[in-house]
């Protein structure tokens, strides 16, 4: 039959027989202790440091989680901005392809492309063979505090350099 033996942390570290005043000595207490015993008392002295690593680790984890959340939000904002630019380009190209049918048909086509892409057509202008569009894209609800992303695009015939 084995006996369970429980040893306190003080007994395991060898400080069980050291009085509490000696474990956390003050200047006045150290003056009363013989010089050869001061080194052993100082080695057992851990007052003020207990739990410090836990606090440092908790703060470090909180900082890392905050940085990760910030990175996710910035990444999502960049994706929304790129999506707005892509939708604007597609809407302008679709409108330019329909410019021969008239400005109203061209803008209707740009509107359909923007709607199907989850964006809103904010502006559409047809000037000759060129189409200028502006679209806005709303971010997901968890990122709605960042506002909407907007983008402009132009489509039409390539500009001639005039050199000849």
Protein backbone atom coordinates (compact mmCIF):
# COMPACT_ATOMS: atom_id res chain seq x y z
CA UNK A 1 0.00 0.00 0.00
CA UNK A 2 1.46 3.31 -1.04
CA UNK A 3 0.92 6.51 0.84
CA UNK A 4 0.17 9.68 -1.03
CA UNK A 5 2.63 12.35 -0.06
CA UNK A 6 1.79 15.97 -0.69
CA UNK A 7 4.63 18.43 -0.51
CA UNK A 8 4.00 22.14 -0.36
CA UNK A 9 5.81 24.44 -2.77
CA UNK A 10 7.66 26.03 0.16
CA UNK A 11 8.88 22.66 1.41
CA UNK A 12 9.95 21.62 -2.10
CA UNK A 13 11.93 24.83 -2.63
CA UNK A 14 13.57 24.64 0.79
CA UNK A 15 11.94 27.80 2.11
CA UNK A 16 9.52 26.12 4.53
CA UNK A 17 11.73 26.80 7.51
CA UNK A 18 12.46 30.39 6.49
CA UNK A 19 10.11 32.89 8.16
CA UNK A 20 7.92 35.08 5.92
CA UNK A 21 9.94 38.17 6.85
CA UNK A 22 13.10 36.53 5.51
CA UNK A 23 11.43 35.49 2.22
CA UNK A 24 10.53 39.10 1.46
CA UNK A 25 13.18 40.99 3.42
CA UNK A 26 13.24 44.72 3.93
CA UNK A 27 16.41 46.73 4.50
CA UNK A 28 15.77 46.65 8.26
CA UNK A 29 15.32 42.85 8.25
CA UNK A 30 18.50 42.28 6.24
CA UNK A 31 20.47 44.37 8.73
CA UNK A 32 19.52 41.88 11.47
CA UNK A 33 20.60 38.79 9.48
CA UNK A 34 24.21 37.58 9.61
CA UNK A 35 26.17 38.38 6.44
CA UNK A 36 26.69 34.72 5.44
CA UNK A 37 22.93 34.10 5.49
CA UNK A 38 22.05 37.11 3.30
CA UNK A 39 23.05 35.27 0.11
CA UNK A 40 20.76 32.31 0.85
CA UNK A 41 17.90 34.64 1.73
CA UNK A 42 18.40 36.65 -1.45
CA UNK A 43 18.32 33.42 -3.50
CA UNK A 44 14.99 32.43 -1.97
CA UNK A 45 13.59 35.93 -2.44
CA UNK A 46 11.06 35.95 -5.25
CA UNK A 47 8.79 38.64 -3.88
CA UNK A 48 7.27 40.91 -6.49
CA UNK A 49 8.12 38.64 -9.44
CA UNK A 50 5.49 35.98 -8.91
CA UNK A 51 3.01 35.92 -11.81
CA UNK A 52 4.88 38.51 -13.87
CA UNK A 53 5.42 36.11 -16.78
CA UNK A 54 1.69 35.37 -16.91
CA UNK A 55 0.86 39.06 -17.19
CA UNK A 56 3.50 39.63 -19.86
CA UNK A 57 2.22 36.63 -21.83
CA UNK A 58 -1.40 37.80 -21.53
CA UNK A 59 -0.51 41.28 -22.76
CA UNK A 60 1.56 39.84 -25.62
CA UNK A 61 -1.32 37.59 -26.69
CA UNK A 62 -3.75 40.53 -26.56
CA UNK A 63 -1.42 42.64 -28.71
CA UNK A 64 -0.96 39.83 -31.24
CA UNK A 65 -4.71 39.23 -31.48
CA UNK A 66 -5.31 42.95 -31.97
CA UNK A 67 -2.72 43.07 -34.75
CA UNK A 68 -4.28 40.02 -36.39
CA UNK A 69 -7.75 41.62 -36.27
CA UNK A 70 -6.36 44.83 -37.75
CA UNK A 71 -4.71 42.82 -40.54
CA UNK A 72 -7.97 41.04 -41.34
CA UNK A 73 -9.85 44.35 -41.51
CA UNK A 74 -7.23 45.98 -43.73
CA UNK A 75 -7.15 42.96 -46.01
CA UNK A 76 -10.92 42.95 -46.34
CA UNK A 77 -10.95 46.68 -47.09
CA UNK A 78 -8.37 46.17 -49.84
CA UNK A 79 -10.45 43.34 -51.35
CA UNK A 80 -13.56 45.54 -51.39
CA UNK A 81 -11.60 48.34 -53.08
CA UNK A 82 -10.28 45.97 -55.76
CA UNK A 83 -13.75 44.56 -56.26
CA UNK A 84 -15.11 48.07 -56.84
CA UNK A 85 -12.40 48.74 -59.44
CA UNK A 86 -13.12 45.46 -61.23
CA UNK A 87 -16.88 46.08 -61.30
CA UNK A 88 -16.32 49.61 -62.63
CA UNK A 89 -14.10 48.25 -65.42
CA UNK A 90 -16.62 45.56 -66.35
CA UNK A 91 -19.54 47.99 -66.30
CA UNK A 92 -17.70 50.49 -68.48
CA UNK A 93 -16.73 47.80 -70.99
CA UNK A 94 -20.29 46.48 -71.13
CA UNK A 95 -21.62 49.99 -71.70
CA UNK A 96 -19.02 50.72 -74.38
CA UNK A 97 -20.05 47.57 -76.23
CA UNK A 98 -23.64 48.85 -76.33
CA UNK A 99 -22.90 52.50 -77.13
CA UNK A 100 -24.06 52.03 -80.72
CA UNK A 101 -27.58 51.29 -79.41
CA UNK A 102 -27.69 54.68 -77.70
CA UNK A 103 -26.60 56.20 -74.39
CA UNK A 104 -29.63 54.93 -72.47
CA UNK A 105 -29.04 51.33 -73.54
CA UNK A 106 -25.33 51.65 -72.73
CA UNK A 107 -26.03 52.89 -69.20
CA UNK A 108 -28.72 50.22 -68.72
CA UNK A 109 -26.17 47.55 -69.58
CA UNK A 110 -23.64 49.09 -67.15
CA UNK A 111 -26.36 49.12 -64.49
CA UNK A 112 -27.17 45.41 -65.04
CA UNK A 113 -23.49 44.41 -64.80
CA UNK A 114 -23.02 46.41 -61.61
CA UNK A 115 -26.17 44.93 -60.03
CA UNK A 116 -25.19 41.36 -60.88
CA UNK A 117 -21.76 42.00 -59.38
CA UNK A 118 -23.22 43.20 -56.08
CA UNK A 119 -22.38 46.87 -56.65
CA UNK A 120 -24.37 50.04 -57.27
CA UNK A 121 -23.93 52.16 -60.39
CA UNK A 122 -23.53 55.70 -59.01
CA UNK A 123 -22.95 57.51 -62.32
CA UNK A 124 -22.92 56.77 -66.04
CA UNK A 125 -22.10 59.26 -68.77
CA UNK A 126 -21.76 58.67 -72.49
CA UNK A 127 -19.73 61.19 -74.47
CA UNK A 128 -19.50 60.19 -78.09
CA UNK A 129 -17.95 56.73 -78.15
CA UNK A 130 -16.62 56.95 -74.56
CA UNK A 131 -18.41 55.77 -71.44
CA UNK A 132 -17.57 56.98 -67.93
CA UNK A 133 -18.96 55.06 -64.95
CA UNK A 134 -18.70 55.22 -61.19
CA UNK A 135 -19.69 52.31 -58.96
CA UNK A 136 -19.87 51.85 -55.19
CA UNK A 137 -19.51 48.60 -53.27
CA UNK A 138 -20.70 48.12 -49.70
CA UNK A 139 -18.49 46.00 -47.47
CA UNK A 140 -19.90 43.15 -45.36
CA UNK A 141 -21.75 44.10 -42.17
CA UNK A 142 -18.76 43.41 -39.89
CA UNK A 143 -16.73 45.95 -41.90
CA UNK A 144 -19.49 48.51 -42.51
CA UNK A 145 -17.85 51.10 -40.24
CA UNK A 146 -15.15 51.52 -42.90
CA UNK A 147 -17.68 52.98 -45.37
CA UNK A 148 -18.23 52.12 -48.99
CA UNK A 149 -15.62 51.73 -51.71
CA UNK A 150 -16.05 53.53 -55.01
CA UNK A 151 -14.23 53.39 -58.32
CA UNK A 152 -14.32 55.18 -61.67
CA UNK A 153 -13.68 53.67 -65.09
CA UNK A 154 -13.61 54.80 -68.70
CA UNK A 155 -14.11 52.65 -71.76
CA UNK A 156 -14.15 53.49 -75.44
CA UNK A 157 -11.87 53.65 -78.41
CA UNK A 158 -8.17 54.04 -77.73
CA UNK A 159 -6.89 57.61 -77.86
CA UNK A 160 -4.77 58.37 -80.89
CA UNK A 161 -1.35 59.85 -80.21
CA UNK A 162 -1.60 62.35 -83.09
CA UNK A 163 1.81 61.38 -84.44
CA UNK A 164 1.81 60.48 -88.05
